[in-house]
Amino acid sequence: MKTLLITFLLYFIMLSASANAVFMDTSLKGVKGKSHTVKVVYDEHEMISSIQIIAPRGWIKWMETDDNGIVRFTPEWKGKYFTEVSKKEKAEGQAFEEYSRASSMSFAVK
């Protein structure tokens, strides 16, 4: 019973937190010279149009996502890559001007 309660609470917390969150999905392992896919998930009705890729040698590139929030690129170097996305929205009726949501993650390329 305790496990069921904890599972339910975690599901509720994740569901509540993900309502307007930005997520990225990708393999945590990549291969130099082979295509790598990153998917950005924000809202089923609105996509984030670009993602920032940062390579181990400092190379930075903004790439456009397709209609499904997916970007594909070919890693040129071995090492740790970082990806980052952000989304800003106007906040009406709040004590602040805008919401800023961001997500970043890293993955290794061998």
PDB file of N, CA and C in Angstrom:
ATOM      1  N   MET A   1       0.824  -1.197   0.000  1.00  0.00           N
ATOM      2  CA  MET A   1       0.000   0.000   0.000  1.00  0.00           C
ATOM      3  C   MET A   1       0.866   1.256   0.000  1.00  0.00           C
ATOM      4  N   LYS A   2       1.953   1.218   0.792  1.00  0.00           N
ATOM      5  CA  LYS A   2       2.844   2.368   0.861  1.00  0.00           C
ATOM      6  C   LYS A   2       3.482   2.629  -0.506  1.00  0.00           C
ATOM      7  N   THR A   3       3.888   1.583  -1.199  1.00  0.00           N
ATOM      8  CA  THR A   3       4.482   1.721  -2.533  1.00  0.00           C
ATOM      9  C   THR A   3       3.483   2.312  -3.520  1.00  0.00           C
ATOM     10  N   LEU A   4       2.240   1.880  -3.444  1.00  0.00           N
ATOM     11  CA  LEU A   4       1.199   2.397  -4.328  1.00  0.00           C
ATOM     12  C   LEU A   4       0.977   3.887  -4.078  1.00  0.00           C
ATOM     13  N   LEU A   5       0.954   4.287  -2.828  1.00  0.00           N
ATOM     14  CA  LEU A   5       0.768   5.689  -2.476  1.00  0.00           C
ATOM     15  C   LEU A   5       1.929   6.541  -2.993  1.00  0.00           C
ATOM     16  N   ILE A   6       3.149   6.073  -2.805  1.00  0.00           N
ATOM     17  CA  ILE A   6       4.327   6.806  -3.278  1.00  0.00           C
ATOM     18  C   ILE A   6       4.300   6.924  -4.802  1.00  0.00           C
ATOM     19  N   THR A   7       3.950   5.850  -5.486  1.00  0.00           N
ATOM     20  CA  THR A   7       3.857   5.865  -6.945  1.00  0.00           C
ATOM     21  C   THR A   7       2.821   6.876  -7.411  1.00  0.00           C
ATOM     22  N   PHE A   8       1.662   6.895  -6.765  1.00  0.00           N
ATOM     23  CA  PHE A   8       0.610   7.835  -7.118  1.00  0.00           C
ATOM     24  C   PHE A   8       1.066   9.270  -6.897  1.00  0.00           C
ATOM     25  N   LEU A   9       1.716   9.542  -5.769  1.00  0.00           N
ATOM     26  CA  LEU A   9       2.188  10.896  -5.476  1.00  0.00           C
ATOM     27  C   LEU A   9       3.239  11.355  -6.477  1.00  0.00           C
ATOM     28  N   LEU A  10       4.176  10.474  -6.835  1.00  0.00           N
ATOM     29  CA  LEU A  10       5.187  10.828  -7.820  1.00  0.00           C
ATOM     30  C   LEU A  10       4.558  11.114  -9.177  1.00  0.00           C
ATOM     31  N   TYR A  11       3.579  10.317  -9.577  1.00  0.00           N
ATOM     32  CA  TYR A  11       2.886  10.531 -10.842  1.00  0.00           C
ATOM     33  C   TYR A  11       2.176  11.886 -10.829  1.00  0.00           C
ATOM     34  N   PHE A  12       1.511  12.205  -9.725  1.00  0.00           N
ATOM     35  CA  PHE A  12       0.799  13.477  -9.603  1.00  0.00           C
ATOM     36  C   PHE A  12       1.771  14.656  -9.679  1.00  0.00           C
ATOM     37  N   ILE A  13       2.896  14.546  -8.998  1.00  0.00           N
ATOM     38  CA  ILE A  13       3.906  15.615  -9.012  1.00  0.00           C
ATOM     39  C   ILE A  13       4.455  15.801 -10.419  1.00  0.00           C
ATOM     40  N   MET A  14       4.772  14.701 -11.099  1.00  0.00           N
ATOM     41  CA  MET A  14       5.303  14.791 -12.464  1.00  0.00           C
ATOM     42  C   MET A  14       4.273  15.380 -13.413  1.00  0.00           C
ATOM     43  N   LEU A  15       3.029  14.972 -13.267  1.00  0.00           N
ATOM     44  CA  LEU A  15       1.966  15.478 -14.131  1.00  0.00           C
ATOM     45  C   LEU A  15       1.765  16.969 -13.913  1.00  0.00           C
ATOM     46  N   SER A  16       1.778  17.405 -12.669  1.00  0.00           N
ATOM     47  CA  SER A  16       1.608  18.819 -12.351  1.00  0.00           C
ATOM     48  C   SER A  16       2.788  19.645 -12.854  1.00  0.00           C
ATOM     49  N   ALA A  17       3.982  19.144 -12.659  1.00  0.00           N
ATOM     50  CA  ALA A  17       5.181  19.880 -13.052  1.00  0.00           C
ATOM     51  C   ALA A  17       5.338  19.947 -14.555  1.00  0.00           C
ATOM     52  N   SER A  18       4.836  18.963 -15.269  1.00  0.00           N
ATOM     53  CA  SER A  18       5.063  18.919 -16.707  1.00  0.00           C
ATOM     54  C   SER A  18       4.046  19.713 -17.505  1.00  0.00           C
ATOM     55  N   ALA A  19       3.088  20.345 -16.863  1.00  0.00           N
ATOM     56  CA  ALA A  19       2.033  21.065 -17.581  1.00  0.00           C
ATOM     57  C   ALA A  19       2.602  22.096 -18.544  1.00  0.00           C
ATOM     58  N   ASN A  20       3.594  22.866 -18.137  1.00  0.00           N
ATOM     59  CA  ASN A  20       4.213  23.864 -19.006  1.00  0.00           C
ATOM     60  C   ASN A  20       5.733  23.767 -18.959  1.00  0.00           C
ATOM     61  N   ALA A  21       6.249  22.594 -18.818  1.00  0.00           N
ATOM     62  CA  ALA A  21       7.695  22.408 -18.744  1.00  0.00           C
ATOM     63  C   ALA A  21       8.259  22.110 -20.123  1.00  0.00           C
ATOM     64  N   VAL A  22       9.545  22.328 -20.261  1.00  0.00           N
ATOM     65  CA  VAL A  22      10.269  22.023 -21.489  1.00  0.00           C
ATOM     66  C   VAL A  22      11.113  20.784 -21.223  1.00  0.00           C
ATOM     67  N   PHE A  23      10.978  19.786 -22.080  1.00  0.00           N
ATOM     68  CA  PHE A  23      11.750  18.557 -21.935  1.00  0.00           C
ATOM     69  C   PHE A  23      12.515  18.268 -23.216  1.00  0.00           C
ATOM     70  N   MET A  24      13.634  17.570 -23.085  1.00  0.00           N
ATOM     71  CA  MET A  24      14.370  17.077 -24.245  1.00  0.00           C
ATOM     72  C   MET A  24      14.574  15.591 -24.087  1.00  0.00           C
ATOM     73  N   ASP A  25      14.540  14.902 -25.200  1.00  0.00           N
ATOM     74  CA  ASP A  25      14.730  13.457 -25.201  1.00  0.00           C
ATOM     75  C   ASP A  25      15.794  13.122 -26.236  1.00  0.00           C
ATOM     76  N   THR A  26      16.817  12.386 -25.819  1.00  0.00           N
ATOM     77  CA  THR A  26      17.874  11.958 -26.728  1.00  0.00           C
ATOM     78  C   THR A  26      18.599  10.761 -26.130  1.00  0.00           C
ATOM     79  N   SER A  27      19.337  10.072 -26.950  1.00  0.00           N
ATOM     80  CA  SER A  27      20.183   8.988 -26.450  1.00  0.00           C
ATOM     81  C   SER A  27      21.327   9.616 -25.662  1.00  0.00           C
ATOM     82  N   LEU A  28      21.683   9.035 -24.552  1.00  0.00           N
ATOM     83  CA  LEU A  28      22.783   9.574 -23.751  1.00  0.00           C
ATOM     84  C   LEU A  28      24.138   9.170 -24.304  1.00  0.00           C
ATOM     85  N   LYS A  29      24.141   8.338 -25.343  1.00  0.00           N
ATOM     86  CA  LYS A  29      25.384   7.917 -25.978  1.00  0.00           C
ATOM     87  C   LYS A  29      25.292   8.199 -27.472  1.00  0.00           C
ATOM     88  N   GLY A  30      26.274   8.889 -27.994  1.00  0.00           N
ATOM     89  CA  GLY A  30      26.335   9.166 -29.425  1.00  0.00           C
ATOM     90  C   GLY A  30      27.614   8.621 -30.006  1.00  0.00           C
ATOM     91  N   VAL A  31      27.702   8.628 -31.327  1.00  0.00           N
ATOM     92  CA  VAL A  31      28.886   8.132 -32.017  1.00  0.00           C
ATOM     93  C   VAL A  31      29.353   9.209 -32.994  1.00  0.00           C
ATOM     94  N   LYS A  32      30.639   9.544 -32.920  1.00  0.00           N
ATOM     95  CA  LYS A  32      31.224  10.536 -33.816  1.00  0.00           C
ATOM     96  C   LYS A  32      30.964  10.132 -35.266  1.00  0.00           C
ATOM     97  N   GLY A  33      30.469  11.083 -36.059  1.00  0.00           N
ATOM     98  CA  GLY A  33      30.242  10.836 -37.474  1.00  0.00           C
ATOM     99  C   GLY A  33      28.913  10.181 -37.812  1.00  0.00           C
ATOM    100  N   LYS A  34      28.107   9.831 -36.799  1.00  0.00           N
ATOM    101  CA  LYS A  34      26.796   9.227 -37.050  1.00  0.00           C
ATOM    102  C   LYS A  34      25.704  10.169 -36.578  1.00  0.00           C
ATOM    103  N   SER A  35      24.598  10.209 -37.303  1.00  0.00           N
ATOM    104  CA  SER A  35      23.491  11.110 -37.002  1.00  0.00           C
ATOM    105  C   SER A  35      22.980  10.924 -35.568  1.00  0.00           C
ATOM    106  N   HIS A  36      22.707  12.033 -34.904  1.00  0.00           N
ATOM    107  CA  HIS A  36      22.185  12.026 -33.534  1.00  0.00           C
ATOM    108  C   HIS A  36      20.885  12.827 -33.521  1.00  0.00           C
ATOM    109  N   THR A  37      19.879  12.318 -32.829  1.00  0.00           N
ATOM    110  CA  THR A  37      18.553  12.936 -32.801  1.00  0.00           C
ATOM    111  C   THR A  37      18.239  13.477 -31.411  1.00  0.00           C
ATOM    112  N   VAL A  38      17.701  14.697 -31.361  1.00  0.00           N
ATOM    113  CA  VAL A  38      17.224  15.297 -30.114  1.00  0.00           C
ATOM    114  C   VAL A  38      15.784  15.728 -30.356  1.00  0.00           C
ATOM    115  N   LYS A  39      14.891  15.355 -29.441  1.00  0.00           N
ATOM    116  CA  LYS A  39      13.487  15.765 -29.540  1.00  0.00           C
ATOM    117  C   LYS A  39      13.163  16.716 -28.400  1.00  0.00           C
ATOM    118  N   VAL A  40      12.502  17.818 -28.741  1.00  0.00           N
ATOM    119  CA  VAL A  40      12.089  18.814 -27.756  1.00  0.00           C
ATOM    120  C   VAL A  40      10.586  18.683 -27.561  1.00  0.00           C
ATOM    121  N   VAL A  41      10.167  18.574 -26.306  1.00  0.00           N
ATOM    122  CA  VAL A  41       8.744  18.451 -25.985  1.00  0.00           C
ATOM    123  C   VAL A  41       8.361  19.627 -25.100  1.00  0.00           C
ATOM    124  N   TYR A  42       7.371  20.399 -25.543  1.00  0.00           N
ATOM    125  CA  TYR A  42       6.898  21.521 -24.727  1.00  0.00           C
ATOM    126  C   TYR A  42       5.402  21.406 -24.478  1.00  0.00           C
ATOM    127  N   ASP A  43       4.632  21.462 -25.517  1.00  0.00           N
ATOM    128  CA  ASP A  43       3.182  21.454 -25.411  1.00  0.00           C
ATOM    129  C   ASP A  43       2.662  20.818 -26.694  1.00  0.00           C
ATOM    130  N   GLU A  44       1.635  20.039 -26.604  1.00  0.00           N
ATOM    131  CA  GLU A  44       1.132  19.362 -27.797  1.00  0.00           C
ATOM    132  C   GLU A  44       0.623  20.330 -28.854  1.00  0.00           C
ATOM    133  N   HIS A  45       0.335  21.574 -28.482  1.00  0.00           N
ATOM    134  CA  HIS A  45      -0.189  22.543 -29.433  1.00  0.00           C
ATOM    135  C   HIS A  45       0.851  23.561 -29.892  1.00  0.00           C
ATOM    136  N   GLU A  46       1.997  23.567 -29.267  1.00  0.00           N
ATOM    137  CA  GLU A  46       3.012  24.567 -29.587  1.00  0.00           C
ATOM    138  C   GLU A  46       4.392  23.932 -29.509  1.00  0.00           C
ATOM    139  N   MET A  47       5.188  24.135 -30.532  1.00  0.00           N
ATOM    140  CA  MET A  47       6.524  23.551 -30.576  1.00  0.00           C
ATOM    141  C   MET A  47       7.570  24.633 -30.310  1.00  0.00           C
ATOM    142  N   ILE A  48       8.724  24.222 -29.878  1.00  0.00           N
ATOM    143  CA  ILE A  48       9.870  25.116 -29.760  1.00  0.00           C
ATOM    144  C   ILE A  48      10.654  24.954 -31.055  1.00  0.00           C
ATOM    145  N   SER A  49      10.942  26.056 -31.712  1.00  0.00           N
ATOM    146  CA  SER A  49      11.467  25.986 -33.068  1.00  0.00           C
ATOM    147  C   SER A  49      12.976  25.836 -33.173  1.00  0.00           C
ATOM    148  N   SER A  50      13.722  26.082 -32.110  1.00  0.00           N
ATOM    149  CA  SER A  50      15.175  25.953 -32.225  1.00  0.00           C
ATOM    150  C   SER A  50      15.795  25.399 -30.944  1.00  0.00           C
ATOM    151  N   ILE A  51      16.965  24.813 -31.129  1.00  0.00           N
ATOM    152  CA  ILE A  51      17.705  24.196 -30.040  1.00  0.00           C
ATOM    153  C   ILE A  51      19.175  24.561 -30.202  1.00  0.00           C
ATOM    154  N   GLN A  52      19.852  24.770 -29.099  1.00  0.00           N
ATOM    155  CA  GLN A  52      21.266  25.113 -29.133  1.00  0.00           C
ATOM    156  C   GLN A  52      22.086  23.858 -28.856  1.00  0.00           C
ATOM    157  N   ILE A  53      23.055  23.573 -29.725  1.00  0.00           N
ATOM    158  CA  ILE A  53      23.965  22.438 -29.565  1.00  0.00           C
ATOM    159  C   ILE A  53      25.342  23.009 -29.241  1.00  0.00           C
ATOM    160  N   ILE A  54      25.964  22.507 -28.174  1.00  0.00           N
ATOM    161  CA  ILE A  54      27.297  22.965 -27.774  1.00  0.00           C
ATOM    162  C   ILE A  54      28.227  21.755 -27.775  1.00  0.00           C
ATOM    163  N   ALA A  55      29.255  21.820 -28.616  1.00  0.00           N
ATOM    164  CA  ALA A  55      30.198  20.714 -28.766  1.00  0.00           C
ATOM    165  C   ALA A  55      31.347  20.839 -27.761  1.00  0.00           C
ATOM    166  N   PRO A  56      32.102  19.765 -27.541  1.00  0.00           N
ATOM    167  CA  PRO A  56      33.194  19.788 -26.563  1.00  0.00           C
ATOM    168  C   PRO A  56      34.267  20.836 -26.854  1.00  0.00           C
ATOM    169  N   ARG A  57      34.478  21.176 -28.096  1.00  0.00           N
ATOM    170  CA  ARG A  57      35.528  22.144 -28.458  1.00  0.00           C
ATOM    171  C   ARG A  57      35.029  23.583 -28.471  1.00  0.00           C
ATOM    172  N   GLY A  58      33.797  23.810 -27.979  1.00  0.00           N
ATOM    173  CA  GLY A  58      33.267  25.163 -27.905  1.00  0.00           C
ATOM    174  C   GLY A  58      32.419  25.570 -29.095  1.00  0.00           C
ATOM    175  N   TRP A  59      32.307  24.699 -30.086  1.00  0.00           N
ATOM    176  CA  TRP A  59      31.456  24.959 -31.252  1.00  0.00           C
ATOM    177  C   TRP A  59      30.022  25.071 -30.771  1.00  0.00           C
ATOM    178  N   ILE A  60      29.325  26.126 -31.148  1.00  0.00           N
ATOM    179  CA  ILE A  60      27.932  26.345 -30.747  1.00  0.00           C
ATOM    180  C   ILE A  60      27.111  26.590 -32.006  1.00  0.00           C
ATOM    181  N   LYS A  61      25.979  25.916 -32.094  1.00  0.00           N
ATOM    182  CA  LYS A  61      25.131  26.090 -33.262  1.00  0.00           C
ATOM    183  C   LYS A  61      23.666  26.025 -32.837  1.00  0.00           C
ATOM    184  N   TRP A  62      22.876  26.971 -33.364  1.00  0.00           N
ATOM    185  CA  TRP A  62      21.431  26.921 -33.192  1.00  0.00           C
ATOM    186  C   TRP A  62      20.866  26.159 -34.368  1.00  0.00           C
ATOM    187  N   MET A  63      20.009  25.195 -34.102  1.00  0.00           N
ATOM    188  CA  MET A  63      19.416  24.398 -35.170  1.00  0.00           C
ATOM    189  C   MET A  63      17.905  24.454 -35.071  1.00  0.00           C
ATOM    190  N   GLU A  64      17.246  24.471 -36.216  1.00  0.00           N
ATOM    191  CA  GLU A  64      15.787  24.507 -36.274  1.00  0.00           C
ATOM    192  C   GLU A  64      15.218  23.098 -36.121  1.00  0.00           C
ATOM    193  N   THR A  65      14.141  22.973 -35.352  1.00  0.00           N
ATOM    194  CA  THR A  65      13.469  21.686 -35.208  1.00  0.00           C
ATOM    195  C   THR A  65      12.478  21.505 -36.354  1.00  0.00           C
ATOM    196  N   ASP A  66      12.115  20.249 -36.615  1.00  0.00           N
ATOM    197  CA  ASP A  66      11.092  20.000 -37.633  1.00  0.00           C
ATOM    198  C   ASP A  66       9.701  20.152 -37.002  1.00  0.00           C
ATOM    199  N   ASP A  67       8.669  19.780 -37.728  1.00  0.00           N
ATOM    200  CA  ASP A  67       7.294  19.936 -37.238  1.00  0.00           C
ATOM    201  C   ASP A  67       6.982  19.083 -36.014  1.00  0.00           C
ATOM    202  N   ASN A  68       7.825  18.091 -35.732  1.00  0.00           N
ATOM    203  CA  ASN A  68       7.632  17.219 -34.573  1.00  0.00           C
ATOM    204  C   ASN A  68       8.565  17.564 -33.415  1.00  0.00           C
ATOM    205  N   GLY A  69       9.275  18.687 -33.511  1.00  0.00           N
ATOM    206  CA  GLY A  69      10.188  19.093 -32.444  1.00  0.00           C
ATOM    207  C   GLY A  69      11.499  18.338 -32.465  1.00  0.00           C
ATOM    208  N   ILE A  70      11.869  17.778 -33.614  1.00  0.00           N
ATOM    209  CA  ILE A  70      13.072  16.946 -33.718  1.00  0.00           C
ATOM    210  C   ILE A  70      14.148  17.673 -34.515  1.00  0.00           C
ATOM    211  N   VAL A  71      15.378  17.556 -34.037  1.00  0.00           N
ATOM    212  CA  VAL A  71      16.538  18.057 -34.766  1.00  0.00           C
ATOM    213  C   VAL A  71      17.542  16.905 -34.866  1.00  0.00           C
ATOM    214  N   ARG A  72      18.186  16.806 -36.026  1.00  0.00           N
ATOM    215  CA  ARG A  72      19.209  15.776 -36.241  1.00  0.00           C
ATOM    216  C   ARG A  72      20.502  16.471 -36.640  1.00  0.00           C
ATOM    217  N   PHE A  73      21.603  16.007 -36.059  1.00  0.00           N
ATOM    218  CA  PHE A  73      22.905  16.550 -36.434  1.00  0.00           C
ATOM    219  C   PHE A  73      23.942  15.439 -36.316  1.00  0.00           C
ATOM    220  N   THR A  74      25.096  15.667 -36.915  1.00  0.00           N
ATOM    221  CA  THR A  74      26.175  14.677 -36.888  1.00  0.00           C
ATOM    222  C   THR A  74      27.318  15.227 -36.039  1.00  0.00           C
ATOM    223  N   PRO A  75      27.584  14.610 -34.872  1.00  0.00           N
ATOM    224  CA  PRO A  75      28.683  15.066 -34.013  1.00  0.00           C
ATOM    225  C   PRO A  75      30.030  14.903 -34.727  1.00  0.00           C
ATOM    226  N   GLU A  76      30.842  15.954 -34.708  1.00  0.00           N
ATOM    227  CA  GLU A  76      32.138  15.922 -35.385  1.00  0.00           C
ATOM    228  C   GLU A  76      33.292  15.577 -34.451  1.00  0.00           C
ATOM    229  N   TRP A  77      33.079  15.677 -33.139  1.00  0.00           N
ATOM    230  CA  TRP A  77      34.143  15.416 -32.178  1.00  0.00           C
ATOM    231  C   TRP A  77      33.657  14.453 -31.099  1.00  0.00           C
ATOM    232  N   LYS A  78      34.599  13.762 -30.488  1.00  0.00           N
ATOM    233  CA  LYS A  78      34.295  12.935 -29.325  1.00  0.00           C
ATOM    234  C   LYS A  78      34.257  13.842 -28.103  1.00  0.00           C
ATOM    235  N   GLY A  79      33.489  13.427 -27.097  1.00  0.00           N
ATOM    236  CA  GLY A  79      33.418  14.205 -25.861  1.00  0.00           C
ATOM    237  C   GLY A  79      31.995  14.465 -25.430  1.00  0.00           C
ATOM    238  N   LYS A  80      31.838  15.386 -24.493  1.00  0.00           N
ATOM    239  CA  LYS A  80      30.523  15.695 -23.944  1.00  0.00           C
ATOM    240  C   LYS A  80      29.880  16.859 -24.706  1.00  0.00           C
ATOM    241  N   TYR A  81      28.673  16.620 -25.193  1.00  0.00           N
ATOM    242  CA  TYR A  81      27.884  17.629 -25.886  1.00  0.00           C
ATOM    243  C   TYR A  81      26.779  18.105 -24.943  1.00  0.00           C
ATOM    244  N   PHE A  82      26.389  19.368 -25.105  1.00  0.00           N
ATOM    245  CA  PHE A  82      25.294  19.933 -24.328  1.00  0.00           C
ATOM    246  C   PHE A  82      24.221  20.426 -25.291  1.00  0.00           C
ATOM    247  N   THR A  83      22.973  20.307 -24.891  1.00  0.00           N
ATOM    248  CA  THR A  83      21.861  20.871 -25.642  1.00  0.00           C
ATOM    249  C   THR A  83      21.060  21.755 -24.705  1.00  0.00           C
ATOM    250  N   GLU A  84      20.500  22.807 -25.260  1.00  0.00           N
ATOM    251  CA  GLU A  84      19.721  23.728 -24.436  1.00  0.00           C
ATOM    252  C   GLU A  84      18.579  24.320 -25.250  1.00  0.00           C
ATOM    253  N   VAL A  85      17.432  24.437 -24.621  1.00  0.00           N
ATOM    254  CA  VAL A  85      16.276  25.103 -25.223  1.00  0.00           C
ATOM    255  C   VAL A  85      15.664  26.033 -24.184  1.00  0.00           C
ATOM    256  N   SER A  86      14.969  27.046 -24.669  1.00  0.00           N
ATOM    257  CA  SER A  86      14.264  27.932 -23.742  1.00  0.00           C
ATOM    258  C   SER A  86      13.003  28.470 -24.408  1.00  0.00           C
ATOM    259  N   LYS A  87      12.085  28.873 -23.576  1.00  0.00           N
ATOM    260  CA  LYS A  87      10.795  29.381 -24.041  1.00  0.00           C
ATOM    261  C   LYS A  87      10.370  30.499 -23.105  1.00  0.00           C
ATOM    262  N   LYS A  88      10.019  31.645 -23.661  1.00  0.00           N
ATOM    263  CA  LYS A  88       9.524  32.767 -22.861  1.00  0.00           C
ATOM    264  C   LYS A  88       8.083  33.038 -23.239  1.00  0.00           C
ATOM    265  N   GLU A  89       7.277  33.355 -22.232  1.00  0.00           N
ATOM    266  CA  GLU A  89       5.868  33.661 -22.445  1.00  0.00           C
ATOM    267  C   GLU A  89       5.484  34.878 -21.613  1.00  0.00           C
ATOM    268  N   LYS A  90       4.622  35.700 -22.152  1.00  0.00           N
ATOM    269  CA  LYS A  90       4.096  36.843 -21.401  1.00  0.00           C
ATOM    270  C   LYS A  90       3.246  36.328 -20.245  1.00  0.00           C
ATOM    271  N   ALA A  91       3.368  36.980 -19.101  1.00  0.00           N
ATOM    272  CA  ALA A  91       2.576  36.626 -17.922  1.00  0.00           C
ATOM    273  C   ALA A  91       1.572  37.749 -17.672  1.00  0.00           C
ATOM    274  N   GLU A  92       0.340  37.461 -17.918  1.00  0.00           N
ATOM    275  CA  GLU A  92      -0.692  38.476 -17.730  1.00  0.00           C
ATOM    276  C   GLU A  92      -1.312  38.353 -16.341  1.00  0.00           C
ATOM    277  N   GLY A  93      -1.525  39.488 -15.701  1.00  0.00           N
ATOM    278  CA  GLY A  93      -2.143  39.496 -14.380  1.00  0.00           C
ATOM    279  C   GLY A  93      -1.233  39.005 -13.269  1.00  0.00           C
ATOM    280  N   GLN A  94       0.067  39.024 -13.498  1.00  0.00           N
ATOM    281  CA  GLN A  94       1.034  38.570 -12.499  1.00  0.00           C
ATOM    282  C   GLN A  94       1.895  39.749 -12.053  1.00  0.00           C
ATOM    283  N   ALA A  95       2.627  39.565 -10.977  1.00  0.00           N
ATOM    284  CA  ALA A  95       3.525  40.601 -10.479  1.00  0.00           C
ATOM    285  C   ALA A  95       4.840  40.626 -11.270  1.00  0.00           C
ATOM    286  N   PHE A  96       4.964  39.775 -12.267  1.00  0.00           N
ATOM    287  CA  PHE A  96       6.150  39.722 -13.112  1.00  0.00           C
ATOM    288  C   PHE A  96       5.716  39.759 -14.574  1.00  0.00           C
ATOM    289  N   GLU A  97       6.644  40.033 -15.469  1.00  0.00           N
ATOM    290  CA  GLU A  97       6.299  40.256 -16.872  1.00  0.00           C
ATOM    291  C   GLU A  97       6.246  39.001 -17.736  1.00  0.00           C
ATOM    292  N   GLU A  98       7.096  38.009 -17.439  1.00  0.00           N
ATOM    293  CA  GLU A  98       7.117  36.827 -18.291  1.00  0.00           C
ATOM    294  C   GLU A  98       7.557  35.571 -17.536  1.00  0.00           C
ATOM    295  N   TYR A  99       7.131  34.450 -18.095  1.00  0.00           N
ATOM    296  CA  TYR A  99       7.602  33.147 -17.644  1.00  0.00           C
ATOM    297  C   TYR A  99       8.803  32.792 -18.514  1.00  0.00           C
ATOM    298  N   SER A 100       9.810  32.188 -17.936  1.00  0.00           N
ATOM    299  CA  SER A 100      10.955  31.720 -18.704  1.00  0.00           C
ATOM    300  C   SER A 100      11.187  30.257 -18.332  1.00  0.00           C
ATOM    301  N   ARG A 101      11.028  29.385 -19.315  1.00  0.00           N
ATOM    302  CA  ARG A 101      11.218  27.959 -19.085  1.00  0.00           C
ATOM    303  C   ARG A 101      12.420  27.510 -19.907  1.00  0.00           C
ATOM    304  N   ALA A 102      13.255  26.669 -19.313  1.00  0.00           N
ATOM    305  CA  ALA A 102      14.453  26.208 -20.014  1.00  0.00           C
ATOM    306  C   ALA A 102      14.768  24.780 -19.620  1.00  0.00           C
ATOM    307  N   SER A 103      15.491  24.128 -20.496  1.00  0.00           N
ATOM    308  CA  SER A 103      15.942  22.772 -20.218  1.00  0.00           C
ATOM    309  C   SER A 103      17.295  22.579 -20.878  1.00  0.00           C
ATOM    310  N   SER A 104      18.157  21.866 -20.195  1.00  0.00           N
ATOM    311  CA  SER A 104      19.449  21.540 -20.791  1.00  0.00           C
ATOM    312  C   SER A 104      19.817  20.125 -20.394  1.00  0.00           C
ATOM    313  N   MET A 105      20.631  19.507 -21.205  1.00  0.00           N
ATOM    314  CA  MET A 105      21.091  18.155 -20.904  1.00  0.00           C
ATOM    315  C   MET A 105      22.404  17.926 -21.621  1.00  0.00           C
ATOM    316  N   SER A 106      23.089  16.869 -21.235  1.00  0.00           N
ATOM    317  CA  SER A 106      24.350  16.530 -21.888  1.00  0.00           C
ATOM    318  C   SER A 106      24.332  15.059 -22.281  1.00  0.00           C
ATOM    319  N   PHE A 107      25.175  14.718 -23.237  1.00  0.00           N
ATOM    320  CA  PHE A 107      25.340  13.335 -23.649  1.00  0.00           C
ATOM    321  C   PHE A 107      26.765  13.143 -24.156  1.00  0.00           C
ATOM    322  N   ALA A 108      27.243  11.938 -24.081  1.00  0.00           N
ATOM    323  CA  ALA A 108      28.615  11.618 -24.482  1.00  0.00           C
ATOM    324  C   ALA A 108      28.660  11.091 -25.910  1.00  0.00           C
ATOM    325  N   VAL A 109      29.676  11.499 -26.638  1.00  0.00           N
ATOM    326  CA  VAL A 109      29.926  10.992 -27.984  1.00  0.00           C
ATOM    327  C   VAL A 109      31.279  10.299 -27.972  1.00  0.00           C
ATOM    328  N   LYS A 110      31.278   9.062 -28.459  1.00  0.00           N
ATOM    329  CA  LYS A 110      32.529   8.269 -28.497  1.00  0.00           C
ATOM    330  C   LYS A 110      32.976   8.027 -29.910  1.00  0.00           C
TER     331      LYS A 110
END
